Amino acid sequence: MFKCLLMPNKTMLKYACLFPFLADEYVVWYLCMVNTTNPVILFDGVCNLCNSSVQFIIRHDKEKRFHYASLQGKAGKALLQQFKLPATHFNSFILIEGDQLFTESTAALRIFKTLGGVWSLLYGCIIIPAFIRNAIYRLIAKNRYRWFGKRASCMVPPQGVKAMFLD
């Protein structure tokens, strides 16, 4: 479970939308209230490869198990802070399951496992030593903007899946 960083009072909740200085505290509170039994995927919101990966997961996650947050958004930054990661940590897909955080190839493989069906077979790659898997992951991550492009701003989630996004 996520540890609550801050529990707001009723006044803060009532006026969080009206006063911008309360927005960050409200997001942190909201993260504490989210159904934390669902895994959360943090992704680089301006990366075309990352956005395509999220779209792929949404299409294949028939049971709607995952929640999503861009690393550049308030919820993503709050979660990075929660796990004591730098707010500029945009080189990895991050999977949060309960109070555990997975990065790089391990995160990707665990996502495939959770998707089930034929995709769960890819989890068998977990037997490849992490230093080999992550070296390949880092090569792709390092070149993702050059190979796949970059957006000017973060993706706006479609209306049908907006509830799955934390911010």
Foldseek 3Di string as FASTA:
>chain_A
DQDQPDADDPVLVVCVVPDVVSVLNVLSNVVVVPPLQAKEKEAAQFFQVRVVVVVVLVVLQPVLRYAYEYLQDSNNQSVCVSVVHDSVPHLWTWIDHRNDIDTFPVRVLVSLCNSDDPSVVSVVCPPPDPVVRRVVRNVCSVCRCVVGNTHPDGDDDDPVCNVSYSD
